[in-house]
Amino acid sequence: MLNLRHEYGGLTRVIGPKAIQAAEARGLLPELYTLGAQTMYEAIYDADGVLEAARRWHDPALINRCQAFIAALYDNGEPLDEYFARAVAPLEPPAEVSRMAGTITPLDQQHGSAYSRA
């Protein structure tokens, strides 16, 4: 889905773990959504990883620092199409593990389906 979004103008870049290693020295970075320079939301997840809430921030100085950090990551990231061609496209097609039979079924090329059922 990200690749399609990128192809249609939702430009996405990929960064490696080294790009955020220092920033995560004291813990994982939060998931942030900025709306201009006045409002920012931080996603809050429960123990199961389900979105539980969003914390709203109104501190322009904090928002500016976060936006600058995000922009620097983006500027240093690899364009998704280049990453995809280098690291994803050469991989073998995905297979599905059947929950019912516990078997792995290869990609169903004949029917044009992403997955086939056993």
Protein backbone atom coordinates (compact mmCIF):
# COMPACT_ATOMS: atom_id res chain seq x y z
CA MET A 1 0.00 0.00 0.00
CA LEU A 2 2.81 2.42 0.81
CA ASN A 3 4.33 1.78 -2.60
CA LEU A 4 1.04 2.63 -4.33
CA ARG A 5 0.62 5.74 -2.19
CA HIS A 6 4.16 6.79 -3.14
CA GLU A 7 3.50 6.20 -6.85
CA TYR A 8 0.43 8.44 -6.71
CA GLY A 9 2.11 11.39 -5.04
CA GLY A 10 2.09 10.55 -1.31
CA LEU A 11 5.86 10.66 -1.24
CA THR A 12 7.35 8.36 1.37
CA ARG A 13 10.94 7.81 2.44
CA VAL A 14 12.53 4.96 4.35
CA ILE A 15 15.05 5.36 7.15
CA GLY A 16 17.10 2.70 8.87
CA PRO A 17 17.43 2.14 12.60
CA LYS A 18 20.74 4.01 12.76
CA ALA A 19 18.93 7.23 11.82
CA ILE A 20 16.96 7.22 15.08
CA GLN A 21 19.23 5.20 17.35
CA ALA A 22 20.50 8.19 19.31
CA ALA A 23 17.03 9.73 19.57
CA GLU A 24 15.67 6.48 21.04
CA ALA A 25 18.39 6.14 23.68
CA ARG A 26 15.82 6.89 26.41
CA GLY A 27 12.89 5.04 24.83
CA LEU A 28 10.90 4.65 21.65
CA LEU A 29 10.00 7.77 19.72
CA PRO A 30 6.30 8.65 19.83
CA GLU A 31 4.03 8.49 16.81
CA LEU A 32 3.24 12.13 16.02
CA TYR A 33 0.84 13.92 13.71
CA THR A 34 1.39 17.64 13.16
CA LEU A 35 -1.25 20.03 11.88
CA GLY A 36 0.55 23.19 10.90
CA ALA A 37 2.65 24.88 13.56
CA GLN A 38 -0.06 25.15 16.21
CA THR A 39 -1.29 21.62 16.92
CA MET A 40 0.33 18.20 17.24
CA TYR A 41 -1.13 14.85 18.28
CA GLU A 42 0.72 11.96 19.89
CA ALA A 43 -0.81 8.52 19.35
CA ILE A 44 -1.27 6.52 22.56
CA TYR A 45 -1.50 2.73 22.31
CA ASP A 46 -2.62 0.19 24.89
CA ALA A 47 -0.55 -2.85 25.94
CA ASP A 48 -1.88 -4.83 22.95
CA GLY A 49 -0.78 -2.17 20.48
CA VAL A 50 -4.29 -0.90 19.78
CA LEU A 51 -4.76 2.85 19.41
CA GLU A 52 -6.33 4.02 22.64
CA ALA A 53 -6.19 7.81 22.50
CA ALA A 54 -4.35 10.82 21.17
CA ARG A 55 -2.67 13.49 23.28
CA ARG A 56 -2.95 17.00 21.84
CA TRP A 57 -0.06 19.43 22.11
CA HIS A 58 -0.32 23.22 21.64
CA ASP A 59 3.27 24.30 22.42
CA PRO A 60 4.57 25.99 19.23
CA ALA A 61 8.23 25.62 20.27
CA LEU A 62 7.82 21.88 20.90
CA ILE A 63 5.90 21.42 17.66
CA ASN A 64 8.59 23.31 15.74
CA ARG A 65 11.36 21.09 17.19
CA CYS A 66 9.42 17.93 16.36
CA GLN A 67 8.69 19.11 12.82
CA ALA A 68 12.37 19.95 12.27
CA PHE A 69 13.37 16.50 13.52
CA ILE A 70 10.82 14.80 11.23
CA ALA A 71 11.93 16.94 8.27
CA ALA A 72 15.58 16.00 8.84
CA LEU A 73 14.66 12.31 8.92
CA TYR A 74 12.66 12.72 5.73
CA ASP A 75 15.46 14.60 3.97
CA ASN A 76 17.94 11.84 4.84
CA GLY A 77 15.60 8.98 3.97
CA GLU A 78 15.71 6.84 0.86
CA PRO A 79 12.80 7.36 -1.56
CA LEU A 80 10.38 4.45 -1.22
CA ASP A 81 10.52 3.50 -4.90
CA GLU A 82 14.32 3.15 -4.72
CA TYR A 83 14.12 1.18 -1.47
CA PHE A 84 11.39 -1.05 -2.89
CA ALA A 85 13.39 -1.80 -6.06
CA ARG A 86 16.52 -2.55 -4.02
CA ALA A 87 15.18 -4.40 -0.99
CA VAL A 88 11.65 -5.68 -1.66
CA ALA A 89 11.18 -6.46 -5.37
CA PRO A 90 14.02 -9.05 -5.47
CA LEU A 91 12.38 -11.12 -2.71
CA GLU A 92 10.46 -14.31 -3.42
CA PRO A 93 6.67 -13.85 -3.72
CA PRO A 94 4.84 -14.08 -0.41
CA ALA A 95 3.23 -17.29 0.74
CA GLU A 96 0.29 -17.71 3.04
CA VAL A 97 0.17 -19.92 6.07
CA SER A 98 -3.21 -21.60 6.16
CA ARG A 99 -4.67 -21.20 9.62
CA MET A 100 -6.93 -24.19 9.07
CA ALA A 101 -4.45 -26.73 7.73
CA GLY A 102 -1.18 -25.23 8.93
CA THR A 103 0.25 -25.45 5.42
CA ILE A 104 2.04 -22.91 3.29
CA THR A 105 0.56 -22.26 -0.14
CA PRO A 106 2.54 -20.37 -2.81
CA LEU A 107 1.25 -17.30 -4.57
CA ASP A 108 -1.67 -18.12 -6.87
CA GLN A 109 -0.38 -16.81 -10.21
CA GLN A 110 -3.08 -18.56 -12.27
CA HIS A 111 -5.94 -16.60 -10.73
CA GLY A 112 -4.05 -13.33 -10.28
CA SER A 113 -4.71 -13.45 -6.58
CA ALA A 114 -2.18 -12.21 -4.04
CA TYR A 115 -2.68 -15.39 -2.04
CA SER A 116 -4.21 -18.78 -2.58
CA ARG A 117 -5.99 -20.95 -0.05
CA ALA A 118 -5.02 -24.55 0.69
